[in-house]
Amino acid sequence: RVLVLGDSITYGLGVRFEESYPARLERMLAGAGRPIEVVNAGVSGYGPFNEREFLRTRGAEFEPSLLVVQLSLNDLANPRLH
């Protein structure tokens, strides 16, 4: 299981759920013959602080084998916002 954390980009804001990059990643890996589940834990407006808290408080319940964290340029430009 892959747990994907991030903001609206991960969530897939503006696209159908099945077109979000976590859903596409799951299809791509499954197509390679790997039994896989990709959990989209993206939330619009989240930044690194929120993602860390999500991982700390809820991450273990998903029992991920791999963690993917999506960062946006605005997360780096002004980390105090988060």
N, C-alpha and C. Protein backbone atom coordinates (compact mmCIF):
# COMPACT_ATOMS: atom_id res chain seq x y z
N ARG A 1 0.85 -1.18 0.00
CA ARG A 1 0.00 0.00 0.00
C ARG A 1 0.90 1.24 0.00
N VAL A 2 0.51 2.19 -0.83
CA VAL A 2 1.21 3.47 -0.93
C VAL A 2 0.30 4.55 -0.38
N LEU A 3 0.80 5.33 0.55
CA LEU A 3 0.05 6.47 1.09
C LEU A 3 0.61 7.74 0.47
N VAL A 4 -0.26 8.52 -0.16
CA VAL A 4 0.17 9.75 -0.83
C VAL A 4 -0.40 10.94 -0.08
N LEU A 5 0.49 11.79 0.42
CA LEU A 5 0.11 13.02 1.12
C LEU A 5 0.38 14.21 0.22
N GLY A 6 -0.45 15.23 0.35
CA GLY A 6 -0.23 16.43 -0.44
C GLY A 6 -1.40 17.38 -0.34
N ASP A 7 -1.41 18.35 -1.23
CA ASP A 7 -2.43 19.39 -1.23
C ASP A 7 -3.44 19.14 -2.35
N SER A 8 -3.97 20.20 -2.92
CA SER A 8 -5.00 20.07 -3.95
C SER A 8 -4.49 19.36 -5.20
N ILE A 9 -3.21 19.41 -5.46
CA ILE A 9 -2.66 18.70 -6.61
C ILE A 9 -2.80 17.19 -6.41
N THR A 10 -2.45 16.73 -5.22
CA THR A 10 -2.62 15.31 -4.91
C THR A 10 -4.09 14.94 -4.88
N TYR A 11 -4.89 15.76 -4.23
CA TYR A 11 -6.32 15.51 -4.14
C TYR A 11 -6.94 15.36 -5.53
N GLY A 12 -6.46 16.15 -6.46
CA GLY A 12 -6.98 16.10 -7.82
C GLY A 12 -8.01 17.18 -8.10
N LEU A 13 -7.86 18.31 -7.45
CA LEU A 13 -8.80 19.41 -7.63
C LEU A 13 -8.90 19.78 -9.11
N GLY A 14 -10.11 19.78 -9.62
CA GLY A 14 -10.34 20.16 -11.01
C GLY A 14 -10.35 19.01 -11.99
N VAL A 15 -10.07 17.81 -11.51
CA VAL A 15 -10.13 16.64 -12.38
C VAL A 15 -10.98 15.56 -11.72
N ARG A 16 -11.46 14.62 -12.52
CA ARG A 16 -12.19 13.49 -11.95
C ARG A 16 -11.26 12.69 -11.05
N PHE A 17 -11.82 12.07 -10.00
CA PHE A 17 -11.01 11.33 -9.04
C PHE A 17 -10.09 10.33 -9.74
N GLU A 18 -10.60 9.65 -10.74
CA GLU A 18 -9.80 8.62 -11.41
C GLU A 18 -8.68 9.20 -12.26
N GLU A 19 -8.67 10.52 -12.43
CA GLU A 19 -7.58 11.17 -13.16
C GLU A 19 -6.56 11.84 -12.23
N SER A 20 -6.77 11.78 -10.92
CA SER A 20 -5.77 12.31 -10.00
C SER A 20 -4.49 11.49 -10.15
N TYR A 21 -3.35 12.07 -9.81
CA TYR A 21 -2.12 11.32 -10.04
C TYR A 21 -2.00 10.10 -9.13
N PRO A 22 -2.54 10.08 -7.90
CA PRO A 22 -2.50 8.82 -7.15
C PRO A 22 -3.30 7.69 -7.82
N ALA A 23 -4.45 8.02 -8.38
CA ALA A 23 -5.24 7.00 -9.07
C ALA A 23 -4.51 6.51 -10.32
N ARG A 24 -3.88 7.41 -11.02
CA ARG A 24 -3.13 7.03 -12.22
C ARG A 24 -1.92 6.17 -11.85
N LEU A 25 -1.27 6.53 -10.73
CA LEU A 25 -0.13 5.74 -10.24
C LEU A 25 -0.58 4.32 -9.91
N GLU A 26 -1.72 4.19 -9.25
CA GLU A 26 -2.23 2.87 -8.92
C GLU A 26 -2.48 2.04 -10.18
N ARG A 27 -3.10 2.63 -11.18
CA ARG A 27 -3.35 1.91 -12.44
C ARG A 27 -2.05 1.52 -13.12
N MET A 28 -1.09 2.42 -13.12
CA MET A 28 0.19 2.15 -13.76
C MET A 28 0.91 0.98 -13.08
N LEU A 29 0.95 1.00 -11.76
CA LEU A 29 1.63 -0.07 -11.03
C LEU A 29 0.87 -1.39 -11.13
N ALA A 30 -0.45 -1.33 -11.08
CA ALA A 30 -1.26 -2.54 -11.22
C ALA A 30 -1.08 -3.13 -12.61
N GLY A 31 -0.93 -2.27 -13.60
CA GLY A 31 -0.73 -2.73 -14.97
C GLY A 31 0.60 -3.44 -15.15
N ALA A 32 1.53 -3.19 -14.25
CA ALA A 32 2.83 -3.85 -14.30
C ALA A 32 2.78 -5.18 -13.54
N GLY A 33 1.57 -5.60 -13.14
CA GLY A 33 1.42 -6.88 -12.48
C GLY A 33 1.70 -6.86 -10.99
N ARG A 34 1.72 -5.69 -10.40
CA ARG A 34 1.98 -5.59 -8.97
C ARG A 34 0.67 -5.41 -8.21
N PRO A 35 0.43 -6.22 -7.19
CA PRO A 35 -0.77 -5.98 -6.37
C PRO A 35 -0.53 -4.73 -5.53
N ILE A 36 -1.31 -3.70 -5.76
CA ILE A 36 -1.02 -2.40 -5.14
C ILE A 36 -2.30 -1.65 -4.84
N GLU A 37 -2.25 -0.89 -3.79
CA GLU A 37 -3.32 0.05 -3.47
C GLU A 37 -2.64 1.39 -3.18
N VAL A 38 -3.10 2.43 -3.84
CA VAL A 38 -2.59 3.77 -3.60
C VAL A 38 -3.70 4.56 -2.91
N VAL A 39 -3.40 5.05 -1.72
CA VAL A 39 -4.37 5.80 -0.93
C VAL A 39 -4.12 7.29 -1.13
N ASN A 40 -5.11 7.98 -1.65
CA ASN A 40 -5.02 9.42 -1.88
C ASN A 40 -5.44 10.14 -0.61
N ALA A 41 -4.47 10.69 0.11
CA ALA A 41 -4.74 11.43 1.34
C ALA A 41 -4.48 12.93 1.11
N GLY A 42 -4.63 13.38 -0.12
CA GLY A 42 -4.45 14.79 -0.43
C GLY A 42 -5.64 15.61 0.06
N VAL A 43 -5.34 16.79 0.56
CA VAL A 43 -6.37 17.72 1.05
C VAL A 43 -6.05 19.11 0.53
N SER A 44 -7.01 19.73 -0.13
CA SER A 44 -6.80 21.09 -0.64
C SER A 44 -6.43 22.01 0.51
N GLY A 45 -5.39 22.79 0.31
CA GLY A 45 -4.94 23.75 1.31
C GLY A 45 -3.90 23.21 2.28
N TYR A 46 -3.63 21.91 2.24
CA TYR A 46 -2.62 21.36 3.14
C TYR A 46 -1.23 21.79 2.71
N GLY A 47 -0.36 21.92 3.68
CA GLY A 47 1.05 22.18 3.47
C GLY A 47 1.85 21.16 4.26
N PRO A 48 3.15 21.29 4.28
CA PRO A 48 3.99 20.30 4.96
C PRO A 48 3.62 20.09 6.43
N PHE A 49 3.27 21.15 7.15
CA PHE A 49 2.90 21.00 8.56
C PHE A 49 1.66 20.11 8.69
N ASN A 50 0.63 20.38 7.88
CA ASN A 50 -0.60 19.59 7.93
C ASN A 50 -0.34 18.13 7.55
N GLU A 51 0.49 17.94 6.55
CA GLU A 51 0.80 16.59 6.09
C GLU A 51 1.55 15.81 7.17
N ARG A 52 2.47 16.48 7.85
CA ARG A 52 3.19 15.83 8.95
C ARG A 52 2.23 15.43 10.06
N GLU A 53 1.30 16.31 10.39
CA GLU A 53 0.32 16.00 11.44
C GLU A 53 -0.59 14.86 11.03
N PHE A 54 -1.00 14.83 9.77
CA PHE A 54 -1.81 13.72 9.29
C PHE A 54 -1.04 12.41 9.42
N LEU A 55 0.20 12.44 9.01
CA LEU A 55 1.02 11.23 9.11
C LEU A 55 1.20 10.81 10.56
N ARG A 56 1.45 11.76 11.43
CA ARG A 56 1.65 11.48 12.85
C ARG A 56 0.39 10.90 13.50
N THR A 57 -0.77 11.46 13.19
CA THR A 57 -2.00 11.07 13.88
C THR A 57 -2.78 9.95 13.20
N ARG A 58 -2.65 9.85 11.87
CA ARG A 58 -3.49 8.87 11.15
C ARG A 58 -2.72 7.96 10.20
N GLY A 59 -1.49 8.27 9.94
CA GLY A 59 -0.73 7.53 8.93
C GLY A 59 -0.63 6.04 9.19
N ALA A 60 -0.40 5.65 10.42
CA ALA A 60 -0.20 4.23 10.74
C ALA A 60 -1.43 3.40 10.45
N GLU A 61 -2.62 3.98 10.55
CA GLU A 61 -3.84 3.19 10.32
C GLU A 61 -3.94 2.68 8.88
N PHE A 62 -3.22 3.30 7.98
CA PHE A 62 -3.23 2.86 6.58
C PHE A 62 -2.19 1.77 6.31
N GLU A 63 -1.29 1.55 7.25
CA GLU A 63 -0.24 0.54 7.13
C GLU A 63 0.49 0.61 5.79
N PRO A 64 1.03 1.78 5.45
CA PRO A 64 1.69 1.91 4.15
C PRO A 64 3.05 1.23 4.11
N SER A 65 3.38 0.72 2.94
CA SER A 65 4.73 0.21 2.69
C SER A 65 5.61 1.31 2.12
N LEU A 66 4.95 2.32 1.56
CA LEU A 66 5.65 3.43 0.93
C LEU A 66 4.87 4.70 1.15
N LEU A 67 5.57 5.79 1.38
CA LEU A 67 4.97 7.10 1.57
C LEU A 67 5.45 8.02 0.46
N VAL A 68 4.51 8.72 -0.18
CA VAL A 68 4.83 9.73 -1.18
C VAL A 68 4.29 11.05 -0.67
N VAL A 69 5.14 12.07 -0.65
CA VAL A 69 4.72 13.40 -0.20
C VAL A 69 4.92 14.36 -1.36
N GLN A 70 3.83 15.00 -1.77
CA GLN A 70 3.87 15.97 -2.87
C GLN A 70 4.03 17.35 -2.26
N LEU A 71 5.02 18.08 -2.71
CA LEU A 71 5.23 19.47 -2.29
C LEU A 71 4.98 20.39 -3.47
N SER A 72 4.49 21.57 -3.18
CA SER A 72 4.26 22.59 -4.20
C SER A 72 5.26 23.72 -3.99
N LEU A 73 5.48 24.49 -5.02
CA LEU A 73 6.43 25.60 -4.90
C LEU A 73 6.02 26.59 -3.82
N ASN A 74 4.72 26.79 -3.62
CA ASN A 74 4.31 27.73 -2.58
C ASN A 74 4.67 27.21 -1.18
N ASP A 75 4.83 25.90 -1.01
CA ASP A 75 5.28 25.36 0.27
C ASP A 75 6.70 25.78 0.57
N LEU A 76 7.50 25.93 -0.47
CA LEU A 76 8.91 26.30 -0.31
C LEU A 76 9.09 27.81 -0.26
N ALA A 77 8.24 28.53 -0.96
CA ALA A 77 8.39 29.98 -1.05
C ALA A 77 8.14 30.66 0.28
N ASN A 78 7.15 30.18 1.02
CA ASN A 78 6.83 30.79 2.30
C ASN A 78 6.37 29.71 3.29
N PRO A 79 7.33 28.98 3.87
CA PRO A 79 6.95 27.89 4.76
C PRO A 79 6.26 28.37 6.04
N ARG A 80 6.35 29.65 6.37
CA ARG A 80 5.67 30.17 7.55
C ARG A 80 4.14 30.13 7.41
N LEU A 81 3.65 30.11 6.17
CA LEU A 81 2.22 30.02 5.95
C LEU A 81 1.66 28.72 6.50
N HIS A 82 2.51 27.73 6.65
CA HIS A 82 2.04 26.42 7.05
C HIS A 82 2.55 26.09 8.42
